[in-house]
PDB file of N, CA and C in Angstrom:
ATOM      1  N   MET A   1       2.551  21.236   7.402  1.00  0.00           N
ATOM      2  CA  MET A   1       2.389  19.791   7.082  1.00  0.00           C
ATOM      3  C   MET A   1       0.954  19.771   7.512  1.00  0.00           C
ATOM      4  N   GLN A   2       0.280  18.895   6.659  1.00  0.00           N
ATOM      5  CA  GLN A   2      -0.836  18.167   6.961  1.00  0.00           C
ATOM      6  C   GLN A   2      -0.927  17.141   7.751  1.00  0.00           C
ATOM      7  N   LYS A   3      -1.956  17.079   8.826  1.00  0.00           N
ATOM      8  CA  LYS A   3      -2.088  16.045   9.384  1.00  0.00           C
ATOM      9  C   LYS A   3      -2.978  15.170   9.246  1.00  0.00           C
ATOM     10  N   ILE A   4      -2.408  13.970   8.890  1.00  0.00           N
ATOM     11  CA  ILE A   4      -3.707  12.864   8.397  1.00  0.00           C
ATOM     12  C   ILE A   4      -4.432  12.434   9.398  1.00  0.00           C
ATOM     13  N   GLU A   5      -5.513  12.221   9.141  1.00  0.00           N
ATOM     14  CA  GLU A   5      -6.626  12.047  10.095  1.00  0.00           C
ATOM     15  C   GLU A   5      -7.236  10.708   9.887  1.00  0.00           C
ATOM     16  N   LYS A   6      -7.286  10.151   8.699  1.00  0.00           N
ATOM     17  CA  LYS A   6      -7.366   8.542   8.465  1.00  0.00           C
ATOM     18  C   LYS A   6      -6.919   8.268   7.183  1.00  0.00           C
ATOM     19  N   ILE A   7      -6.804   6.950   7.206  1.00  0.00           N
ATOM     20  CA  ILE A   7      -6.079   6.130   6.037  1.00  0.00           C
ATOM     21  C   ILE A   7      -7.097   4.721   5.753  1.00  0.00           C
ATOM     22  N   SER A   8      -7.381   4.387   4.852  1.00  0.00           N
ATOM     23  CA  SER A   8      -8.274   3.221   4.463  1.00  0.00           C
ATOM     24  C   SER A   8      -7.430   2.236   3.311  1.00  0.00           C
ATOM     25  N   CYS A   9      -7.885   1.045   3.613  1.00  0.00           N
ATOM     26  CA  CYS A   9      -7.256   0.257   2.813  1.00  0.00           C
ATOM     27  C   CYS A   9      -8.338   0.371   1.369  1.00  0.00           C
ATOM     28  N   ASN A  10      -7.645   0.791   0.070  1.00  0.00           N
ATOM     29  CA  ASN A  10      -8.174   0.780  -1.225  1.00  0.00           C
ATOM     30  C   ASN A  10      -9.075  -0.413  -1.598  1.00  0.00           C
ATOM     31  N   MET A  11      -8.481  -1.385  -1.063  1.00  0.00           N
ATOM     32  CA  MET A  11      -9.193  -2.640  -1.659  1.00  0.00           C
ATOM     33  C   MET A  11     -10.465  -3.060  -0.792  1.00  0.00           C
ATOM     34  N   CYS A  12     -10.401  -3.174   0.316  1.00  0.00           N
ATOM     35  CA  CYS A  12     -11.814  -3.351   1.031  1.00  0.00           C
ATOM     36  C   CYS A  12     -12.662  -2.196   1.734  1.00  0.00           C
ATOM     37  N   GLY A  13     -11.623  -1.155   2.034  1.00  0.00           N
ATOM     38  CA  GLY A  13     -12.654   0.048   2.415  1.00  0.00           C
ATOM     39  C   GLY A  13     -12.187   0.180   4.023  1.00  0.00           C
ATOM     40  N   ARG A  14     -11.496  -0.810   4.730  1.00  0.00           N
ATOM     41  CA  ARG A  14     -11.357  -0.780   5.940  1.00  0.00           C
ATOM     42  C   ARG A  14     -10.544   0.482   6.583  1.00  0.00           C
ATOM     43  N   GLU A  15     -11.120   1.293   7.430  1.00  0.00           N
ATOM     44  CA  GLU A  15     -10.319   2.352   7.880  1.00  0.00           C
ATOM     45  C   GLU A  15      -9.216   1.589   8.928  1.00  0.00           C
ATOM     46  N   LEU A  16      -7.792   1.905   8.798  1.00  0.00           N
ATOM     47  CA  LEU A  16      -6.753   1.351   9.388  1.00  0.00           C
ATOM     48  C   LEU A  16      -6.688   2.314  10.829  1.00  0.00           C
ATOM     49  N   LYS A  17      -6.144   1.591  11.815  1.00  0.00           N
ATOM     50  CA  LYS A  17      -6.028   1.992  13.264  1.00  0.00           C
ATOM     51  C   LYS A  17      -5.132   3.277  13.042  1.00  0.00           C
ATOM     52  N   MET A  18      -5.657   4.377  13.768  1.00  0.00           N
ATOM     53  CA  MET A  18      -4.707   5.563  13.839  1.00  0.00           C
ATOM     54  C   MET A  18      -4.959   6.104  15.267  1.00  0.00           C
ATOM     55  N   GLU A  19      -4.064   6.726  15.924  1.00  0.00           N
ATOM     56  CA  GLU A  19      -4.171   7.176  17.082  1.00  0.00           C
ATOM     57  C   GLU A  19      -3.159   8.611  16.956  1.00  0.00           C
ATOM     58  N   ASN A  20      -3.999   9.743  17.116  1.00  0.00           N
ATOM     59  CA  ASN A  20      -2.967  11.060  17.240  1.00  0.00           C
ATOM     60  C   ASN A  20      -2.308  11.384  15.783  1.00  0.00           C
ATOM     61  N   GLY A  21      -2.646  10.898  14.816  1.00  0.00           N
ATOM     62  CA  GLY A  21      -2.474  10.916  13.675  1.00  0.00           C
ATOM     63  C   GLY A  21      -0.936   9.850  13.414  1.00  0.00           C
ATOM     64  N   ILE A  22      -0.875   8.781  14.114  1.00  0.00           N
ATOM     65  CA  ILE A  22      -0.007   7.851  14.009  1.00  0.00           C
ATOM     66  C   ILE A  22      -0.719   6.603  13.524  1.00  0.00           C
ATOM     67  N   LEU A  23      -0.021   5.942  12.370  1.00  0.00           N
ATOM     68  CA  LEU A  23      -0.867   4.511  12.017  1.00  0.00           C
ATOM     69  C   LEU A  23      -0.608   3.678  12.990  1.00  0.00           C
ATOM     70  N   LYS A  24      -1.331   2.985  13.571  1.00  0.00           N
ATOM     71  CA  LYS A  24      -0.870   1.941  14.482  1.00  0.00           C
ATOM     72  C   LYS A  24      -1.036   0.345  14.131  1.00  0.00           C
ATOM     73  N   GLU A  25      -1.092   0.237  12.676  1.00  0.00           N
ATOM     74  CA  GLU A  25      -0.867  -0.922  12.189  1.00  0.00           C
ATOM     75  C   GLU A  25      -0.226  -0.693  10.801  1.00  0.00           C
ATOM     76  N   ASP A  26       0.691  -1.922  10.444  1.00  0.00           N
ATOM     77  CA  ASP A  26       1.052  -1.628   9.161  1.00  0.00           C
ATOM     78  C   ASP A  26       0.273  -1.795   8.160  1.00  0.00           C
ATOM     79  N   ALA A  27       0.731  -1.437   6.938  1.00  0.00           N
ATOM     80  CA  ALA A  27       0.101  -1.450   5.683  1.00  0.00           C
ATOM     81  C   ALA A  27       1.116  -1.415   4.599  1.00  0.00           C
ATOM     82  N   PHE A  28       0.590  -2.051   3.412  1.00  0.00           N
ATOM     83  CA  PHE A  28       1.348  -1.957   2.130  1.00  0.00           C
ATOM     84  C   PHE A  28       1.044  -0.704   1.318  1.00  0.00           C
ATOM     85  N   GLU A  29       1.954  -0.093   1.317  1.00  0.00           N
ATOM     86  CA  GLU A  29       1.881   1.617   0.448  1.00  0.00           C
ATOM     87  C   GLU A  29       2.638   1.348  -0.981  1.00  0.00           C
ATOM     88  N   ALA A  30       1.936   1.590  -2.070  1.00  0.00           N
ATOM     89  CA  ALA A  30       2.513   1.528  -3.256  1.00  0.00           C
ATOM     90  C   ALA A  30       2.538   2.751  -4.200  1.00  0.00           C
ATOM     91  N   LYS A  31       3.259   3.377  -4.764  1.00  0.00           N
ATOM     92  CA  LYS A  31       3.102   4.546  -5.617  1.00  0.00           C
ATOM     93  C   LYS A  31       4.142   4.184  -6.935  1.00  0.00           C
ATOM     94  N   LYS A  32       3.376   4.895  -7.926  1.00  0.00           N
ATOM     95  CA  LYS A  32       4.089   4.511  -9.290  1.00  0.00           C
ATOM     96  C   LYS A  32       3.647   5.823 -10.277  1.00  0.00           C
ATOM     97  N   GLN A  33       4.745   6.085 -10.701  1.00  0.00           N
ATOM     98  CA  GLN A  33       4.730   7.406 -11.580  1.00  0.00           C
ATOM     99  C   GLN A  33       4.733   6.715 -12.824  1.00  0.00           C
ATOM    100  N   TRP A  34       3.958   6.832 -13.610  1.00  0.00           N
ATOM    101  CA  TRP A  34       4.121   6.050 -15.178  1.00  0.00           C
ATOM    102  C   TRP A  34       4.679   7.353 -16.354  1.00  0.00           C
ATOM    103  N   GLY A  35       5.569   6.212 -16.943  1.00  0.00           N
ATOM    104  CA  GLY A  35       6.465   6.999 -17.788  1.00  0.00           C
ATOM    105  C   GLY A  35       5.824   6.827 -19.471  1.00  0.00           C
ATOM    106  N   TYR A  36       6.956   7.149 -20.340  1.00  0.00           N
ATOM    107  CA  TYR A  36       6.517   6.940 -21.608  1.00  0.00           C
ATOM    108  C   TYR A  36       6.220   5.516 -22.020  1.00  0.00           C
ATOM    109  N   PHE A  37       5.906   5.262 -22.971  1.00  0.00           N
ATOM    110  CA  PHE A  37       5.404   3.763 -23.350  1.00  0.00           C
ATOM    111  C   PHE A  37       4.030   3.240 -22.674  1.00  0.00           C
ATOM    112  N   SER A  38       3.540   3.927 -21.613  1.00  0.00           N
ATOM    113  CA  SER A  38       2.271   3.492 -21.096  1.00  0.00           C
ATOM    114  C   SER A  38       1.180   4.277 -21.547  1.00  0.00           C
ATOM    115  N   LYS A  39      -0.007   3.775 -21.119  1.00  0.00           N
ATOM    116  CA  LYS A  39      -1.219   4.729 -21.426  1.00  0.00           C
ATOM    117  C   LYS A  39      -1.527   5.570 -20.442  1.00  0.00           C
ATOM    118  N   LYS A  40      -0.746   5.335 -19.226  1.00  0.00           N
ATOM    119  CA  LYS A  40      -0.968   6.510 -18.067  1.00  0.00           C
ATOM    120  C   LYS A  40       0.270   7.514 -18.110  1.00  0.00           C
ATOM    121  N   ASP A  41       0.859   7.656 -19.042  1.00  0.00           N
ATOM    122  CA  ASP A  41       2.030   8.848 -19.224  1.00  0.00           C
ATOM    123  C   ASP A  41       1.847   9.955 -18.489  1.00  0.00           C
ATOM    124  N   ALA A  42       2.624  10.210 -17.676  1.00  0.00           N
ATOM    125  CA  ALA A  42       2.541  11.469 -16.522  1.00  0.00           C
ATOM    126  C   ALA A  42       1.408  11.567 -15.677  1.00  0.00           C
ATOM    127  N   PHE A  43       1.079  10.434 -15.047  1.00  0.00           N
ATOM    128  CA  PHE A  43       0.116  10.212 -13.994  1.00  0.00           C
ATOM    129  C   PHE A  43       1.013   9.454 -12.791  1.00  0.00           C
ATOM    130  N   LEU A  44       0.711   9.683 -11.518  1.00  0.00           N
ATOM    131  CA  LEU A  44       1.195   9.088 -10.469  1.00  0.00           C
ATOM    132  C   LEU A  44      -0.259   8.607  -9.817  1.00  0.00           C
ATOM    133  N   HIS A  45      -0.047   7.067  -9.772  1.00  0.00           N
ATOM    134  CA  HIS A  45      -1.088   6.356  -8.811  1.00  0.00           C
ATOM    135  C   HIS A  45      -0.263   5.948  -7.536  1.00  0.00           C
ATOM    136  N   SER A  46      -1.330   5.880  -6.643  1.00  0.00           N
ATOM    137  CA  SER A  46      -0.802   5.187  -5.479  1.00  0.00           C
ATOM    138  C   SER A  46      -1.950   4.855  -4.649  1.00  0.00           C
ATOM    139  N   PHE A  47      -1.681   3.786  -3.527  1.00  0.00           N
ATOM    140  CA  PHE A  47      -2.797   2.952  -3.223  1.00  0.00           C
ATOM    141  C   PHE A  47      -2.327   2.290  -1.779  1.00  0.00           C
ATOM    142  N   VAL A  48      -3.081   2.311  -0.743  1.00  0.00           N
ATOM    143  CA  VAL A  48      -2.860   1.449   0.432  1.00  0.00           C
ATOM    144  C   VAL A  48      -3.417   0.031   0.679  1.00  0.00           C
ATOM    145  N   LEU A  49      -2.852  -0.845   1.094  1.00  0.00           N
ATOM    146  CA  LEU A  49      -3.403  -1.910   1.308  1.00  0.00           C
ATOM    147  C   LEU A  49      -3.286  -2.521   2.822  1.00  0.00           C
ATOM    148  N   CYS A  50      -4.461  -3.130   3.623  1.00  0.00           N
ATOM    149  CA  CYS A  50      -4.289  -3.656   4.798  1.00  0.00           C
ATOM    150  C   CYS A  50      -3.797  -4.962   4.536  1.00  0.00           C
ATOM    151  N   GLU A  51      -3.038  -5.436   5.707  1.00  0.00           N
ATOM    152  CA  GLU A  51      -2.091  -6.631   5.476  1.00  0.00           C
ATOM    153  C   GLU A  51      -2.965  -7.851   5.192  1.00  0.00           C
ATOM    154  N   ASP A  52      -4.157  -8.103   5.666  1.00  0.00           N
ATOM    155  CA  ASP A  52      -5.132  -9.255   4.987  1.00  0.00           C
ATOM    156  C   ASP A  52      -5.240  -8.782   3.480  1.00  0.00           C
ATOM    157  N   CYS A  53      -5.662  -7.863   3.120  1.00  0.00           N
ATOM    158  CA  CYS A  53      -5.768  -7.648   1.501  1.00  0.00           C
ATOM    159  C   CYS A  53      -4.579  -7.672   0.802  1.00  0.00           C
ATOM    160  N   TYR A  54      -3.408  -7.238   1.412  1.00  0.00           N
ATOM    161  CA  TYR A  54      -2.330  -7.458   0.593  1.00  0.00           C
ATOM    162  C   TYR A  54      -1.836  -9.350   0.421  1.00  0.00           C
ATOM    163  N   ASP A  55      -2.134 -10.108   1.577  1.00  0.00           N
ATOM    164  CA  ASP A  55      -2.026 -11.542   1.516  1.00  0.00           C
ATOM    165  C   ASP A  55      -3.085 -11.957   0.508  1.00  0.00           C
ATOM    166  N   ARG A  56      -4.182 -11.290   0.616  1.00  0.00           N
ATOM    167  CA  ARG A  56      -5.097 -12.131  -0.567  1.00  0.00           C
ATOM    168  C   ARG A  56      -4.520 -11.700  -2.028  1.00  0.00           C
ATOM    169  N   LEU A  57      -4.088 -10.530  -2.226  1.00  0.00           N
ATOM    170  CA  LEU A  57      -3.893 -10.364  -3.441  1.00  0.00           C
ATOM    171  C   LEU A  57      -2.652 -11.063  -3.914  1.00  0.00           C
ATOM    172  N   THR A  58      -1.385 -10.991  -2.939  1.00  0.00           N
ATOM    173  CA  THR A  58      -0.444 -11.878  -3.495  1.00  0.00           C
ATOM    174  C   THR A  58      -0.552 -13.508  -3.423  1.00  0.00           C
ATOM    175  N   GLU A  59      -1.436 -14.041  -2.912  1.00  0.00           N
ATOM    176  CA  GLU A  59      -1.775 -15.498  -3.085  1.00  0.00           C
ATOM    177  C   GLU A  59      -2.093 -15.815  -4.433  1.00  0.00           C
ATOM    178  N   ARG A  60      -2.441 -14.565  -5.126  1.00  0.00           N
ATOM    179  CA  ARG A  60      -3.219 -14.909  -6.718  1.00  0.00           C
ATOM    180  C   ARG A  60      -2.202 -14.894  -7.612  1.00  0.00           C
ATOM    181  N   PHE A  61      -0.746 -14.315  -7.300  1.00  0.00           N
ATOM    182  CA  PHE A  61       0.381 -14.382  -8.091  1.00  0.00           C
ATOM    183  C   PHE A  61       0.870 -15.493  -8.596  1.00  0.00           C
ATOM    184  N   GLN A  62       0.890 -15.369  -9.829  1.00  0.00           N
ATOM    185  CA  GLN A  62       1.809 -16.695 -10.357  1.00  0.00           C
ATOM    186  C   GLN A  62       3.313 -17.009 -10.027  1.00  0.00           C
ATOM    187  N   ILE A  63       3.752 -15.820 -10.073  1.00  0.00           N
ATOM    188  CA  ILE A  63       5.283 -15.486  -9.363  1.00  0.00           C
ATOM    189  C   ILE A  63       5.186 -14.815  -8.110  1.00  0.00           C
ATOM    190  N   PRO A  64       5.474 -15.469  -6.833  1.00  0.00           N
ATOM    191  CA  PRO A  64       5.273 -14.741  -5.802  1.00  0.00           C
ATOM    192  C   PRO A  64       6.100 -13.756  -5.267  1.00  0.00           C
ATOM    193  N   PRO A  65       6.003 -12.571  -4.417  1.00  0.00           N
ATOM    194  CA  PRO A  65       6.821 -11.447  -4.473  1.00  0.00           C
ATOM    195  C   PRO A  65       8.083 -12.040  -3.721  1.00  0.00           C
ATOM    196  N   VAL A  66       9.078 -11.260  -3.960  1.00  0.00           N
ATOM    197  CA  VAL A  66      10.593 -11.591  -3.114  1.00  0.00           C
ATOM    198  C   VAL A  66      10.410 -11.084  -1.843  1.00  0.00           C
ATOM    199  N   ILE A  67      10.529 -12.112  -0.994  1.00  0.00           N
ATOM    200  CA  ILE A  67      10.617 -11.822   0.491  1.00  0.00           C
ATOM    201  C   ILE A  67      11.923 -11.922   1.135  1.00  0.00           C
ATOM    202  N   THR A  68      12.436 -11.054   1.832  1.00  0.00           N
ATOM    203  CA  THR A  68      13.719 -11.055   2.367  1.00  0.00           C
ATOM    204  C   THR A  68      13.835 -10.592   4.011  1.00  0.00           C
ATOM    205  N   GLU A  69      14.362 -11.259   4.645  1.00  0.00           N
ATOM    206  CA  GLU A  69      14.292 -11.151   6.089  1.00  0.00           C
ATOM    207  C   GLU A  69      15.075  -9.821   6.613  1.00  0.00           C
ATOM    208  N   VAL A  70      14.391  -8.917   7.073  1.00  0.00           N
ATOM    209  CA  VAL A  70      15.300  -7.744   7.416  1.00  0.00           C
ATOM    210  C   VAL A  70      15.583  -7.634   9.090  1.00  0.00           C
ATOM    211  N   THR A  71      16.939  -7.715   9.358  1.00  0.00           N
ATOM    212  CA  THR A  71      17.438  -8.240  10.890  1.00  0.00           C
ATOM    213  C   THR A  71      16.971  -6.651  11.650  1.00  0.00           C
ATOM    214  N   GLU A  72      17.272  -5.331  11.156  1.00  0.00           N
ATOM    215  CA  GLU A  72      17.357  -4.146  11.863  1.00  0.00           C
ATOM    216  C   GLU A  72      16.259  -3.424  11.206  1.00  0.00           C
ATOM    217  N   LEU A  73      15.219  -3.224  12.428  1.00  0.00           N
ATOM    218  CA  LEU A  73      13.910  -2.150  12.069  1.00  0.00           C
ATOM    219  C   LEU A  73      14.344  -0.779  12.134  1.00  0.00           C
TER     220      LEU A  73
END
C-alpha cells in the first residue's frame, strides 16, 4: 500500500494539512467514472477541494446541495 505524502486542493492549490500520512483537515473528494452518452466515456475523473473552495463553489449553485445532519460519525 502506498503512503500518501501530500494532498492539495485542486481549485486553489493549497496543500492540505497532513501528519504521518494522516489528513488532519477534512476535504471534499469527488470521483466520477464517465459512461456511455458522454464525451468522456471510459474515463475516471477525481479531485479534492478544501473546505473554503467547496464553500465558494457551492455558493454559485443555482440549486444548493442537499445537506443532511449526521448524528453518528
